[in-house]
Structure formats: structure tokens, C-alpha cells
C-alpha atoms as a PDB file:
ATOM      1  CA  MET A   1      -1.832 -14.147  -8.924  1.00  0.00           C
ATOM      2  CA  ALA A   2      -0.818 -14.455 -12.540  1.00  0.00           C
ATOM      3  CA  THR A   3       2.764 -13.931 -13.623  1.00  0.00           C
ATOM      4  CA  LYS A   4       4.459 -13.148 -16.914  1.00  0.00           C
ATOM      5  CA  THR A   5       8.067 -12.907 -18.043  1.00  0.00           C
ATOM      6  CA  VAL A   6       9.132 -10.219 -20.499  1.00  0.00           C
ATOM      7  CA  GLU A   7      12.547  -9.597 -21.987  1.00  0.00           C
ATOM      8  CA  ILE A   8      13.671  -6.027 -22.445  1.00  0.00           C
ATOM      9  CA  ASN A   9      17.101  -5.231 -23.832  1.00  0.00           C
ATOM     10  CA  GLY A  10      18.418  -8.676 -22.882  1.00  0.00           C
ATOM     11  CA  VAL A  11      17.083  -8.650 -19.309  1.00  0.00           C
ATOM     12  CA  GLU A  12      14.215 -10.908 -18.225  1.00  0.00           C
ATOM     13  CA  TYR A  13      11.682  -9.339 -15.888  1.00  0.00           C
ATOM     14  CA  THR A  14       9.052 -11.330 -14.013  1.00  0.00           C
ATOM     15  CA  LEU A  15       5.800  -9.445 -13.577  1.00  0.00           C
ATOM     16  CA  GLN A  16       3.093 -10.357 -11.083  1.00  0.00           C
ATOM     17  CA  LYS A  17      -0.484  -9.131 -11.124  1.00  0.00           C
ATOM     18  CA  VAL A  18      -1.776  -7.725  -7.889  1.00  0.00           C
ATOM     19  CA  ALA A  19      -5.370  -7.918  -6.697  1.00  0.00           C
ATOM     20  CA  THR A  20      -7.680  -5.191  -7.965  1.00  0.00           C
ATOM     21  CA  ASN A  21      -8.036  -3.578  -4.535  1.00  0.00           C
ATOM     22  CA  GLN A  22      -4.253  -3.560  -4.110  1.00  0.00           C
ATOM     23  CA  TRP A  23      -3.851  -1.892  -7.539  1.00  0.00           C
ATOM     24  CA  TYR A  24      -6.176   0.911  -6.475  1.00  0.00           C
ATOM     25  CA  LYS A  25      -4.302   1.308  -3.186  1.00  0.00           C
ATOM     26  CA  ILE A  26      -1.103   1.645  -5.235  1.00  0.00           C
ATOM     27  CA  LYS A  27      -2.754   4.299  -7.380  1.00  0.00           C
ATOM     28  CA  ASP A  28      -4.006   6.157  -4.288  1.00  0.00           C
ATOM     29  CA  ARG A  29      -0.528   6.113  -2.717  1.00  0.00           C
ATOM     30  CA  SER A  30       0.879   7.440  -5.997  1.00  0.00           C
ATOM     31  CA  LYS A  31      -0.708  10.874  -5.634  1.00  0.00           C
ATOM     32  CA  ASP A  32       0.910  13.993  -4.269  1.00  0.00           C
ATOM     33  CA  LYS A  33      -0.466  16.010  -1.353  1.00  0.00           C
ATOM     34  CA  ASN A  34      -2.886  17.776  -3.734  1.00  0.00           C
ATOM     35  CA  GLY A  35      -4.247  14.525  -5.173  1.00  0.00           C
ATOM     36  CA  ASN A  36      -2.363  14.838  -8.456  1.00  0.00           C
ATOM     37  CA  PRO A  37      -0.860  11.691  -9.993  1.00  0.00           C
ATOM     38  CA  SER A  38       2.900  11.275  -9.535  1.00  0.00           C
ATOM     39  CA  GLU A  39       4.651   9.052 -12.068  1.00  0.00           C
ATOM     40  CA  GLU A  40       7.677   8.714  -9.807  1.00  0.00           C
ATOM     41  CA  LYS A  41       5.542   7.404  -6.938  1.00  0.00           C
ATOM     42  CA  LEU A  42       3.527   5.113  -9.229  1.00  0.00           C
ATOM     43  CA  PHE A  43       6.615   3.666 -10.892  1.00  0.00           C
ATOM     44  CA  SER A  44       8.284   3.062  -7.520  1.00  0.00           C
ATOM     45  CA  GLU A  45       5.174   1.164  -6.388  1.00  0.00           C
ATOM     46  CA  VAL A  46       5.102  -0.831  -9.642  1.00  0.00           C
ATOM     47  CA  LEU A  47       8.742  -1.830  -9.132  1.00  0.00           C
ATOM     48  CA  GLU A  48       7.984  -2.872  -5.575  1.00  0.00           C
ATOM     49  CA  HIS A  49       4.758  -4.815  -6.146  1.00  0.00           C
ATOM     50  CA  ILE A  50       4.495  -5.849  -9.810  1.00  0.00           C
ATOM     51  CA  VAL A  51       8.071  -6.253 -11.085  1.00  0.00           C
ATOM     52  CA  VAL A  52       9.084  -9.137  -8.823  1.00  0.00           C
ATOM     53  CA  SER A  53      12.344 -10.130 -10.496  1.00  0.00           C
ATOM     54  CA  PRO A  54      14.941  -8.787 -10.699  1.00  0.00           C
ATOM     55  CA  LYS A  55      14.270  -6.516  -7.736  1.00  0.00           C
ATOM     56  CA  MET A  56      15.270  -3.055  -8.885  1.00  0.00           C
ATOM     57  CA  LYS A  57      14.817   0.593  -8.050  1.00  0.00           C
ATOM     58  CA  MET A  58      14.480   3.418 -10.544  1.00  0.00           C
ATOM     59  CA  ALA A  59      18.122   4.417 -10.042  1.00  0.00           C
ATOM     60  CA  ASP A  60      19.258   0.913 -11.071  1.00  0.00           C
ATOM     61  CA  PHE A  61      18.239   1.497 -14.695  1.00  0.00           C
ATOM     62  CA  GLU A  62      21.004   2.880 -16.884  1.00  0.00           C
ATOM     63  CA  GLU A  63      18.708   3.740 -19.795  1.00  0.00           C
ATOM     64  CA  VAL A  64      15.473   5.705 -19.416  1.00  0.00           C
ATOM     65  CA  GLU A  65      14.055   3.908 -22.470  1.00  0.00           C
ATOM     66  CA  ASP A  66      14.537   0.495 -20.833  1.00  0.00           C
ATOM     67  CA  PHE A  67      12.891   1.728 -17.641  1.00  0.00           C
ATOM     68  CA  GLU A  68       9.922   3.157 -19.553  1.00  0.00           C
ATOM     69  CA  GLU A  69       9.515  -0.086 -21.490  1.00  0.00           C
ATOM     70  CA  VAL A  70       9.501  -2.128 -18.264  1.00  0.00           C
ATOM     71  CA  MET A  71       6.913   0.215 -16.724  1.00  0.00           C
ATOM     72  CA  GLN A  72       4.697   0.046 -19.805  1.00  0.00           C
ATOM     73  CA  ALA A  73       4.897  -3.765 -19.872  1.00  0.00           C
ATOM     74  CA  ALA A  74       4.106  -4.006 -16.146  1.00  0.00           C
ATOM     75  CA  ILE A  75       1.140  -1.632 -16.236  1.00  0.00           C
ATOM     76  CA  MET A  76      -0.244  -3.184 -19.418  1.00  0.00           C
ATOM     77  CA  PHE A  77       0.019  -6.632 -17.798  1.00  0.00           C
ATOM     78  CA  GLN A  78      -1.776  -5.385 -14.701  1.00  0.00           C
ATOM     79  CA  CYS A  79      -4.493  -3.461 -16.515  1.00  0.00           C
ATOM     80  CA  LYS A  80      -4.608  -4.867 -20.069  1.00  0.00           C
ATOM     81  CA  ARG A  81      -4.478  -1.346 -21.366  1.00  0.00           C
ATOM     82  CA  ALA A  82      -2.555  -0.020 -24.354  1.00  0.00           C
ATOM     83  CA  GLU A  83      -1.343   3.125 -22.615  1.00  0.00           C
ATOM     84  CA  PRO A  84      -0.257   3.285 -18.981  1.00  0.00           C
ATOM     85  CA  LYS A  85      -2.441   5.775 -17.144  1.00  0.00           C
ATOM     86  CA  ILE A  86      -2.355   6.834 -13.535  1.00  0.00           C
END
């Protein structure tokens, strides 16, 4: 799979694309019991499967803005889309 390094607020993150079927499994797992999208679940999955370095959890980010920028970069890399959508 393809990889990309992005720098956000002085930290380098390595992103890895996942296969299309794996991306849709991630999206399916990111829904609540009623089938509604859950950003928390999606972002946890993105950190686990797409942001490969450094390995982090949501709680590891001190600034929400940095976290959101990492998530946007990761989802845009995976989907080549301007806005991250669940």
C-alpha cells in the first residue's frame, strides 16, 4: 500500500492507505448501534489502521486542532477527498 509523510505542528506522521474493502469495513465498524456514523469510532480506526507512525490514541493529542488536522490529512490521503466524510 502507498504511504505518505505529513508534518503537523512539528510532528511527522506516516500515513498508509488501506485496501478499498478494508476502508469500507472501517466505515462499517464506525457506526453506532442505530447505523449512525460515529466520528470517535472512525477516528480511532483511522489512528489504528492509517496513521502508522507515531502510534497514537486520541487521548495522546494535546491540541484538538492538531488531532483534527491529522485526521483530515489521513482521510484525504485514503480517499482523495477535500472534506472527510463518514
